[in-house]
Amino acid sequence: MIRVLACGDVGVRRAHCSSIFDGCRRALQQADLCLAQLETPISMRGAKACNARLAMRAPVQMAGALQEAGFHVVSFASNHCLDFGYEAFSDTLEHVTAAGLQVCGAGEDLPHARQAVWCQVGQLQVAVLGACSILPEGYAAEGSKPGCAPLRAHTLYEPIEPDQPGTPPRIRTFTDREDLAALCACVRSARVRANLVLVCLHWGIHMVPGVLADYQIETAHALIDAGADAIFGHHPHLLKAVEVYRGRPVYYSLGNFAIEQPHVWDSAILQAPSFRHLMSLHPEWDLTRHYMLPENTRWTGLASLTVGESGTIQSRFSPAWIDDDSVPHVLSSSDSEFERVRDFLDSSTRAAGFATRFEVDGDELVLVQA
């Protein structure tokens, strides 16, 4: 039996990088395989990209802090992967690899970005893939150009009342057919020799609770139909719905996990029009606090898969809470925040139309397909 853990966005910029994992290190180190979404480049080189809304990069020490905390694989399929250009991008791959971790979802060219990483965990072969739908211009890998594995999505504005000019439209989205076909092909290829195929996706609608985009459900179902055993989503900065599709879990967003507040990366960002627009999507920002994001972005956790010798998979979730210094703390069921995380996860799941239940078992939530 093996245990896989996965979390949302990670990015550290502080004097002692490892301190951001003080509230979760014990839980992470108990996993046989631990995955994270690496949100930021790890480098002090390069120049800020002209189209980076909030340019982020972490010090070199972050790579070692990830390894020491217990992580084994990171997805670098991120909308920040090229915030400081190709030098910082290349440094990130080098530093993470030198620290003993594997990187998926990004590479020196498109074939490498789409390539699965392989982990021998006990007697099981595990394949992990990553892709990104949140793509600033030029951030996707193309042919021989470095970048992240693209999973583009397209938006259609459909008039609800065509005979009533000016009325709000219905927003439809769908996944780029070529990107989806390529990712499904990667999953099917990995499925040939893998006991477990995991997919990390950077996608979705940020800051808006409960709402999923059409393309996410379309993509999740296609990937599981192709042979994926679990999908771990991130980017929206808060928890979103959990679906159990054909017996396989889809975590549409695991939210933030161990990542600094916006002003830590760039103090000037608070005056930027793009940041003001981000704030308008959620009414509970408080710029007077060090932890300025809305309260429900503090609710996070660790998704887990327990894989038995016969190949059976049980899905669980360990609620966690992020403190004022952006440090996530894994919660016990006796903590009042535990129920708040559970309630938020449950309400987000019901808002998306899924019937997944979350039953308490010790300090974890067991996913039950209703």
Protein backbone atom coordinates (compact mmCIF):
# COMPACT_ATOMS: atom_id res chain seq x y z
CA MET A 1 0.00 0.00 0.00
CA ILE A 2 1.28 3.48 -0.88
CA ARG A 3 0.09 6.98 -0.05
CA VAL A 4 0.25 9.90 -2.48
CA LEU A 5 -0.22 13.50 -1.33
CA ALA A 6 -0.83 16.56 -3.51
CA CYS A 7 -1.22 20.25 -2.69
CA GLY A 8 -1.88 23.53 -4.48
CA ASP A 9 0.32 26.54 -5.23
CA VAL A 10 3.75 26.85 -3.61
CA GLY A 11 6.09 29.85 -3.84
CA VAL A 12 8.44 31.16 -1.15
CA ARG A 13 10.33 34.42 -0.73
CA ARG A 14 11.70 34.85 2.80
CA ALA A 15 14.98 34.61 4.67
CA HIS A 16 14.35 31.02 5.78
CA CYS A 17 12.40 29.34 2.98
CA SER A 18 11.83 26.13 4.91
CA SER A 19 9.85 27.95 7.63
CA ILE A 20 6.78 28.16 5.40
CA PHE A 21 6.43 24.36 5.74
CA ASP A 22 6.62 24.28 9.55
CA GLY A 23 2.90 23.59 9.91
CA CYS A 24 2.72 20.73 7.44
CA ARG A 25 6.17 19.16 7.22
CA ARG A 26 5.30 16.13 9.33
CA ALA A 27 2.28 15.29 7.17
CA LEU A 28 4.21 15.76 3.92
CA GLN A 29 7.07 13.52 5.02
CA GLN A 30 4.71 10.66 5.80
CA ALA A 31 3.75 10.32 2.12
CA ASP A 32 5.39 7.83 -0.22
CA LEU A 33 4.99 10.35 -3.04
CA CYS A 34 4.33 14.06 -2.56
CA LEU A 35 3.37 16.51 -5.33
CA ALA A 36 3.12 20.30 -5.43
CA GLN A 37 2.37 23.06 -7.93
CA LEU A 38 5.52 25.17 -8.26
CA GLU A 39 4.08 28.60 -9.00
CA THR A 40 7.29 30.60 -9.31
CA PRO A 41 10.67 30.40 -11.01
CA ILE A 42 13.56 29.65 -8.67
CA SER A 43 16.34 31.98 -9.74
CA MET A 44 17.87 35.39 -9.17
CA ARG A 45 18.70 35.85 -12.85
CA GLY A 46 16.74 37.25 -15.77
CA ALA A 47 14.69 40.36 -16.50
CA LYS A 48 11.00 40.82 -15.75
CA ALA A 49 8.78 39.85 -18.67
CA CYS A 50 6.89 42.85 -20.05
CA ASN A 51 3.55 40.99 -19.91
CA ALA A 52 3.95 39.57 -16.39
CA ARG A 53 1.10 40.93 -14.25
CA LEU A 54 2.72 39.98 -10.95
CA ALA A 55 6.29 38.88 -11.63
CA MET A 56 7.40 36.31 -9.08
CA ARG A 57 10.65 34.49 -8.49
CA ALA A 58 11.93 32.61 -5.46
CA PRO A 59 15.47 32.42 -4.07
CA VAL A 60 17.61 29.39 -4.90
CA GLN A 61 17.18 28.08 -1.35
CA MET A 62 13.54 27.26 -2.12
CA ALA A 63 14.54 24.16 -4.09
CA GLY A 64 16.24 22.62 -1.06
CA ALA A 65 13.34 23.67 1.16
CA LEU A 66 10.92 21.76 -1.07
CA GLN A 67 13.04 18.62 -0.85
CA GLU A 68 13.51 18.93 2.90
CA ALA A 69 9.78 19.41 3.41
CA GLY A 70 9.10 16.07 1.74
CA PHE A 71 8.16 16.83 -1.87
CA HIS A 72 9.23 14.50 -4.68
CA VAL A 73 7.62 15.97 -7.82
CA VAL A 74 6.58 19.52 -8.77
CA SER A 75 4.53 20.68 -11.72
CA PHE A 76 5.99 23.85 -13.19
CA ALA A 77 3.07 24.30 -15.60
CA SER A 78 2.40 27.79 -14.30
CA ASN A 79 1.27 31.18 -15.57
CA HIS A 80 4.41 32.56 -13.86
CA CYS A 81 6.95 30.11 -15.31
CA LEU A 82 8.50 32.72 -17.65
CA ASP A 83 8.04 35.81 -15.48
CA PHE A 84 11.80 36.38 -15.59
CA GLY A 85 12.55 34.92 -18.98
CA TYR A 86 14.40 31.88 -20.23
CA GLU A 87 17.39 32.28 -17.90
CA ALA A 88 15.26 32.01 -14.77
CA PHE A 89 13.19 29.25 -16.35
CA SER A 90 16.30 27.19 -17.10
CA ASP A 91 17.69 27.88 -13.62
CA THR A 92 14.46 26.57 -12.08
CA LEU A 93 14.69 23.23 -13.87
CA GLU A 94 18.35 22.96 -12.87
CA HIS A 95 17.88 23.91 -9.19
CA VAL A 96 14.86 21.67 -8.64
CA THR A 97 16.58 18.71 -10.30
CA ALA A 98 19.78 19.31 -8.32
CA ALA A 99 17.71 19.22 -5.12
CA GLY A 100 16.54 15.71 -6.02
CA LEU A 101 13.02 16.51 -7.26
CA GLN A 102 11.43 15.80 -10.62
CA VAL A 103 9.65 18.43 -12.74
CA CYS A 104 6.65 17.88 -14.98
CA GLY A 105 4.55 20.23 -17.10
CA ALA A 106 7.46 22.37 -18.32
CA GLY A 107 10.61 21.85 -20.31
CA GLU A 108 13.20 23.06 -22.77
CA ASP A 109 10.81 22.34 -25.64
CA LEU A 110 7.24 21.13 -26.21
CA PRO A 111 8.00 17.38 -26.21
CA HIS A 112 9.85 17.68 -22.87
CA ALA A 113 7.09 19.85 -21.37
CA ARG A 114 4.47 17.22 -22.22
CA GLN A 115 6.58 14.31 -21.06
CA ALA A 116 5.53 12.34 -17.98
CA VAL A 117 7.90 11.98 -15.05
CA TRP A 118 8.20 8.49 -13.60
CA CYS A 119 8.46 7.48 -9.96
CA GLN A 120 9.03 4.00 -8.60
CA VAL A 121 7.00 3.91 -5.39
CA GLY A 122 7.23 0.54 -3.68
CA GLN A 123 6.20 -1.97 -6.32
CA LEU A 124 4.24 0.62 -8.31
CA GLN A 125 5.24 2.70 -11.31
CA VAL A 126 3.65 6.16 -11.09
CA ALA A 127 3.49 8.61 -14.01
CA VAL A 128 2.85 12.32 -13.38
CA LEU A 129 1.95 14.86 -16.07
CA GLY A 130 1.27 18.60 -15.90
CA ALA A 131 -0.33 21.22 -18.13
CA CYS A 132 -1.51 24.83 -17.92
CA SER A 133 -4.58 26.67 -19.25
CA ILE A 134 -3.61 30.07 -17.79
CA LEU A 135 -1.19 31.21 -20.47
CA PRO A 136 0.23 34.72 -20.85
CA GLU A 137 1.45 35.32 -24.37
CA GLY A 138 4.66 33.38 -25.02
CA TYR A 139 4.57 31.21 -21.88
CA ALA A 140 3.55 27.99 -23.66
CA ALA A 141 6.27 25.67 -24.94
CA GLU A 142 6.28 25.52 -28.73
CA GLY A 143 8.40 23.20 -30.85
CA SER A 144 11.94 23.91 -29.65
CA LYS A 145 10.96 26.89 -27.47
CA PRO A 146 11.00 26.49 -23.65
CA GLY A 147 7.81 26.94 -21.63
CA CYS A 148 4.99 25.02 -20.01
CA ALA A 149 2.79 22.34 -21.49
CA PRO A 150 -0.26 24.13 -22.94
CA LEU A 151 -3.87 23.15 -22.39
CA ARG A 152 -5.47 26.16 -24.06
CA ALA A 153 -9.16 26.96 -23.66
CA HIS A 154 -11.38 29.18 -25.79
CA THR A 155 -14.22 31.44 -24.70
CA LEU A 156 -17.54 32.02 -26.46
CA TYR A 157 -20.05 34.69 -25.40
CA GLU A 158 -23.52 33.39 -26.19
CA PRO A 159 -26.44 35.88 -26.12
CA ILE A 160 -29.17 34.68 -23.78
CA GLU A 161 -31.76 36.97 -25.39
CA PRO A 162 -30.57 37.77 -28.93
CA ASP A 163 -33.51 40.14 -29.40
CA GLN A 164 -32.49 42.20 -26.34
CA PRO A 165 -29.28 44.12 -27.19
CA GLY A 166 -26.98 44.80 -24.25
CA THR A 167 -28.19 41.97 -22.00
CA PRO A 168 -25.45 39.89 -20.33
CA PRO A 169 -24.29 36.85 -22.32
CA ARG A 170 -23.83 33.27 -21.21
CA ILE A 171 -20.10 32.45 -21.09
CA ARG A 172 -19.14 29.14 -22.71
CA THR A 173 -15.65 27.65 -22.78
CA PHE A 174 -14.15 24.64 -24.49
CA THR A 175 -10.72 23.05 -24.55
CA ASP A 176 -8.45 23.47 -27.55
CA ARG A 177 -8.89 20.24 -29.48
CA GLU A 178 -5.23 19.79 -30.40
CA ASP A 179 -3.97 20.41 -26.87
CA LEU A 180 -6.57 18.09 -25.34
CA ALA A 181 -5.82 15.35 -27.87
CA ALA A 182 -2.09 15.66 -27.15
CA LEU A 183 -2.56 15.45 -23.38
CA CYS A 184 -4.96 12.49 -23.68
CA ALA A 185 -2.38 10.75 -25.90
CA CYS A 186 0.26 11.30 -23.19
CA VAL A 187 -2.07 9.78 -20.60
CA ARG A 188 -2.81 6.76 -22.79
CA SER A 189 0.90 6.28 -23.47
CA ALA A 190 1.72 6.43 -19.74
CA ARG A 191 -1.14 4.06 -18.95
CA VAL A 192 0.58 1.27 -20.92
CA ARG A 193 3.20 0.70 -18.20
CA ALA A 194 2.05 2.81 -15.24
CA ASN A 195 0.17 1.45 -12.25
CA LEU A 196 -0.97 5.00 -11.46
CA VAL A 197 -1.34 8.03 -13.77
CA LEU A 198 -1.69 11.45 -12.13
CA VAL A 199 -2.37 14.76 -13.89
CA CYS A 200 -1.69 18.23 -12.43
CA LEU A 201 -3.63 21.05 -14.13
CA HIS A 202 -3.21 24.80 -13.66
CA TRP A 203 -6.62 26.11 -14.76
CA GLY A 204 -9.95 27.57 -13.77
CA ILE A 205 -11.54 30.86 -12.72
CA HIS A 206 -9.53 32.64 -10.05
CA MET A 207 -10.91 34.23 -6.87
CA VAL A 208 -14.58 33.43 -7.60
CA PRO A 209 -15.91 30.80 -5.16
CA GLY A 210 -17.85 27.81 -6.45
CA VAL A 211 -17.74 28.53 -10.19
CA LEU A 212 -16.14 26.11 -12.65
CA ALA A 213 -15.56 26.74 -16.35
CA ASP A 214 -17.10 24.36 -18.88
CA TYR A 215 -13.72 23.38 -20.28
CA GLN A 216 -12.57 22.04 -16.92
CA ILE A 217 -15.28 19.41 -16.71
CA GLU A 218 -14.85 18.50 -20.36
CA THR A 219 -11.10 18.09 -19.89
CA ALA A 220 -11.31 16.17 -16.61
CA HIS A 221 -13.69 13.61 -18.04
CA ALA A 222 -11.64 13.19 -21.22
CA LEU A 223 -8.43 12.59 -19.25
CA ILE A 224 -10.01 10.02 -16.94
CA ASP A 225 -11.60 8.32 -19.95
CA ALA A 226 -8.06 8.18 -21.42
CA GLY A 227 -6.73 6.45 -18.28
CA ALA A 228 -5.87 9.07 -15.64
CA ASP A 229 -6.38 7.93 -12.04
CA ALA A 230 -6.63 11.40 -10.45
CA ILE A 231 -6.58 15.06 -11.40
CA PHE A 232 -5.14 17.72 -9.11
CA GLY A 233 -6.13 21.26 -10.07
CA HIS A 234 -4.87 24.65 -8.87
CA HIS A 235 -4.60 28.35 -9.77
CA PRO A 236 -7.93 29.84 -8.49
CA HIS A 237 -6.34 30.64 -5.06
CA LEU A 238 -9.18 28.94 -3.19
CA LEU A 239 -10.69 25.47 -2.88
CA LYS A 240 -13.23 24.40 -5.47
CA ALA A 241 -15.41 21.40 -6.16
CA VAL A 242 -14.36 17.78 -5.91
CA GLU A 243 -15.92 15.34 -8.35
CA VAL A 244 -15.68 11.57 -8.37
CA TYR A 245 -15.95 10.54 -12.02
CA ARG A 246 -15.89 6.84 -12.91
CA GLY A 247 -14.51 6.20 -9.44
CA ARG A 248 -11.61 8.61 -9.92
CA PRO A 249 -11.20 11.92 -8.02
CA VAL A 250 -11.05 15.31 -9.70
CA TYR A 251 -9.90 18.09 -7.38
CA TYR A 252 -10.82 21.12 -9.47
CA SER A 253 -8.74 23.40 -7.24
CA LEU A 254 -6.64 22.65 -4.17
CA GLY A 255 -6.26 26.39 -3.63
CA ASN A 256 -3.21 28.16 -2.31
CA PHE A 257 -0.92 26.12 -0.07
CA ALA A 258 2.44 27.64 0.86
CA ILE A 259 2.75 30.85 -1.10
CA GLU A 260 3.59 34.44 -0.13
CA GLN A 261 1.15 37.33 -0.30
CA PRO A 262 1.16 39.49 -3.47
CA HIS A 263 2.99 42.46 -1.95
CA VAL A 264 5.88 40.23 -0.85
CA TRP A 265 6.73 39.65 -4.51
CA ASP A 266 6.19 43.26 -5.61
CA SER A 267 5.13 46.09 -3.28
CA ALA A 268 4.08 48.21 -6.26
CA ILE A 269 1.53 45.62 -7.44
CA LEU A 270 -1.14 47.02 -5.11
CA GLN A 271 -1.57 50.05 -7.39
CA ALA A 272 -1.62 48.13 -10.66
CA PRO A 273 -4.92 48.14 -12.64
CA SER A 274 -4.68 44.38 -13.17
CA PHE A 275 -4.41 43.83 -9.40
CA ARG A 276 -7.38 46.11 -8.76
CA HIS A 277 -9.39 44.03 -11.20
CA LEU A 278 -8.37 40.87 -9.35
CA MET A 279 -9.60 42.43 -6.11
CA SER A 280 -12.94 43.25 -7.74
CA LEU A 281 -13.63 39.54 -8.26
CA HIS A 282 -13.89 38.95 -4.51
CA PRO A 283 -15.15 41.58 -2.01
CA GLU A 284 -13.17 40.51 1.06
CA TRP A 285 -9.64 41.73 0.39
CA ASP A 286 -8.09 43.76 3.21
CA LEU A 287 -4.97 45.71 2.21
CA THR A 288 -4.37 46.78 5.82
CA ARG A 289 -3.38 43.24 6.82
CA HIS A 290 -0.20 41.33 6.03
CA TYR A 291 -2.45 38.45 4.94
CA MET A 292 -4.50 40.56 2.57
CA LEU A 293 -6.29 37.88 0.55
CA PRO A 294 -9.93 37.04 1.36
CA GLU A 295 -10.55 34.83 4.38
CA ASN A 296 -11.72 31.81 2.41
CA THR A 297 -8.36 31.62 0.61
CA ARG A 298 -6.92 30.47 3.95
CA TRP A 299 -8.84 27.18 3.67
CA THR A 300 -6.72 24.58 1.94
CA GLY A 301 -5.48 21.06 2.42
CA LEU A 302 -3.77 17.95 1.12
CA ALA A 303 -5.43 15.58 -1.32
CA SER A 304 -4.39 11.97 -0.75
CA LEU A 305 -4.67 8.70 -2.61
CA THR A 306 -4.16 5.41 -0.82
CA VAL A 307 -3.40 2.69 -3.34
CA GLY A 308 -3.79 -0.92 -2.25
CA GLU A 309 -1.84 -3.91 -3.53
CA SER A 310 -4.80 -4.90 -5.70
CA GLY A 311 -4.84 -1.44 -7.31
CA THR A 312 -7.84 -0.11 -5.39
CA ILE A 313 -7.72 3.64 -4.76
CA GLN A 314 -9.23 5.47 -1.80
CA SER A 315 -9.38 9.27 -1.97
CA ARG A 316 -9.12 11.46 1.11
CA PHE A 317 -8.55 15.10 1.98
CA SER A 318 -6.72 16.56 4.99
CA PRO A 319 -8.01 20.08 5.76
CA ALA A 320 -5.45 22.79 6.49
CA TRP A 321 -5.53 26.48 7.39
CA ILE A 322 -3.12 29.23 6.32
CA ASP A 323 -1.97 31.62 9.05
CA ASP A 324 -1.11 35.32 8.85
CA ASP A 325 2.42 34.55 7.67
CA SER A 326 1.14 32.32 4.82
CA VAL A 327 2.16 29.12 6.63
CA PRO A 328 -0.30 26.21 6.10
CA HIS A 329 -1.19 24.14 9.17
CA VAL A 330 -2.71 20.69 8.83
CA LEU A 331 -5.78 20.58 11.10
CA SER A 332 -7.12 18.03 13.52
CA SER A 333 -10.85 17.31 13.43
CA SER A 334 -11.19 18.93 16.87
CA ASP A 335 -10.13 22.32 15.46
CA SER A 336 -13.03 24.64 14.60
CA GLU A 337 -11.36 25.51 11.27
CA PHE A 338 -11.60 21.85 10.25
CA GLU A 339 -15.38 22.09 9.90
CA ARG A 340 -15.12 25.44 8.12
CA VAL A 341 -12.85 23.88 5.49
CA ARG A 342 -15.19 20.92 5.17
CA ASP A 343 -18.26 23.16 4.82
CA PHE A 344 -16.57 25.33 2.17
CA LEU A 345 -15.46 22.27 0.20
CA ASP A 346 -18.95 20.80 0.47
CA SER A 347 -20.73 24.01 -0.61
CA SER A 348 -18.33 24.49 -3.54
CA THR A 349 -18.95 20.92 -4.65
CA ARG A 350 -22.74 21.26 -4.45
CA ALA A 351 -22.61 24.62 -6.28
CA ALA A 352 -20.89 22.85 -9.18
CA GLY A 353 -23.64 20.22 -9.28
CA PHE A 354 -21.64 17.27 -7.93
CA ALA A 355 -22.89 14.90 -5.24
CA THR A 356 -19.54 13.98 -3.64
CA ARG A 357 -19.79 13.65 0.15
CA PHE A 358 -17.00 14.27 2.66
CA GLU A 359 -17.18 11.91 5.64
CA VAL A 360 -14.95 12.52 8.65
CA ASP A 361 -12.55 9.70 9.51
CA GLY A 362 -10.08 10.72 12.18
CA ASP A 363 -8.42 13.93 10.98
CA GLU A 364 -9.27 13.32 7.32
CA LEU A 365 -12.25 13.58 5.00
CA VAL A 366 -13.07 10.48 2.96
CA LEU A 367 -14.50 11.17 -0.49
CA VAL A 368 -17.73 9.26 -1.04
CA GLN A 369 -19.42 9.08 -4.42
CA ALA A 370 -23.11 9.59 -3.80
